[in-house]
Amino acid sequence: MSYILKNFNIIIKGIYIKDGEVMSFVNERNILLTDKKGNVHNIYWDKANMCYSKFSKDKEHENIILDENVLLEFDGNIDEEDRLYAIYQKRNKEIILGKCIKGTWSKDSLGNVDGLDLFNLNLLIHENHLNIIYCTFENKKDHKYGIYHHYYDEDWKSVKIGEITRQNILNPFNIIKRDEKLMLFFYDIDGEYEEVFVQEFDFEEEKWSDRRKITNDKSAKLCLDTLVDEESLYVTYSKYVDDNLIIKFEKYKLDTFKKEAEELVSNIGTAMHPTLILEEGKLWNVWTEFDKVVSSYSKDKGLTWEGPYEWKETHEDRFYRYEYKTNRGDKYTLNHAFGKDYPYFSFLGFSKVEDAFKVNVKKKDAIIDDKEDREEDDGTKSFLIVNDNNVKIIEDEHEGYEKEILLLKQEVEGLRRKLKEMESQASNPRNQRNPRKRKGIFFR
């Protein structure tokens, strides 16, 4: 289950190695789709291959390689007729759309984007019409990206949504389909820090709204997840406090985006990948701390919280943070969920708290000054986060390495991006950028 390498701490391919022991969280994009019959379809990347597995109740599982020489940007989805889709970018920058009808896969080339890498590639489906959203570099030196939307309605239509600028790491998009609209959540720099913004696409008018600023936290942030119900928008992210991470939750009125509640729901340390789940009246916030899944839940939609709880099973098996889409009437509302690897695919981090144990809450006065209220620019109340050099965060003997580990993770992520760019340059002849030789919806 784990391999021992003495005196060795590093993060490779999203797998965290602490003191030589390989931990169980695999931080790679992995997609689970369920059809109306309850069959599970898994789309994933493995050793530059785009892979597909099917797990049905009445047959042995099917496992095939859809394509080779594939980069790490991909997505998948399922439409109302149980047709499967996979979109990905190859090393030669070609964009491929795979489609599976009644068990048979076919592939179409969509061309390329002037020979550029795609980032935050997302595939959405509305009334069986495909929507593709991604970003590409507009200015590498200034870390500026353009966001683009391609959608199919009898023919392909394309629009540039806008531009964003990142700081150290490009954070993920979060996209929610709600009635006749798409809600696109993303980070952009606002003053000194990145904040969360939203833009909406109206399918009937075929028009994007102006962006609206959601958060006003004034801190460095990582990761993002959002959910909506009939009345509320829920937002969660990891925020830095003195080079450590803590999970923050915020609740807004859906029609006005007025803040109604906020809370720090985790202990300070290495809390990352926050994930929101609505389940039968409970709102869960689930995240990782090293190789563990930890969560808190609310019975009043984010006003008060119970926890955190640590889930025992995550000490035993490999697990992923799955992107989850279904055609069945599940009792859950979620975009992502932590779950075990094949052959289990069971969710982790929510539902039965008897499968977990409660974590001791660290002294909040080390990071929150008695929940002292202060007025933010938007007139709402928030908790004052203390960054006093005289305040020492209480750590146990194992947590002394956490700051170093987090910095290493950022450095490795940056190296992976640089390696990706170097590989693309080596495998991309100049004539690949010749527009006369490339056609498709992505050509600008």
Foldseek 3Di string as FASTA:
>chain_A
DWFADAPDFFADQQFGADRRITFFEREAAKAWEAEAQGKIKIWGDDPQFTKIWIGDDPDDIDIDTPDGQFDRDKEKDADLVRKIWIWTAHLQQWIKIWIADPHDIDIDTFWHQLLWDWAQWDWDADPNKIKIWTWTDPDVVQQKIWIKIWIDDPHIDIDTQGMAHDDLDAAHWEWDDDDQKIKIWGWHDDPPEIFIKIWMAGNVVRDIDDIDTQDDPPFYWHYKDWDDDPFKIKIKTWTDAPLWTWIKIWMATPVPSHTDDIDGWGATFHWGDWWWKDADQKIKTWTDDNQWIWIWIDNVVHHDIDATWTAPCSRPARKYWYQYYYSYDDRMDTRTFIAGDPPPRDGDDDDDSVRTGGDDHFDCVLFFVVQDWDQDPVRDTGTDTDRDPVRDGDDDPVRPCRSVRSVSVSVVVVVVVVVSVVSSVVPHDPCSSVVVVIHRPSYD
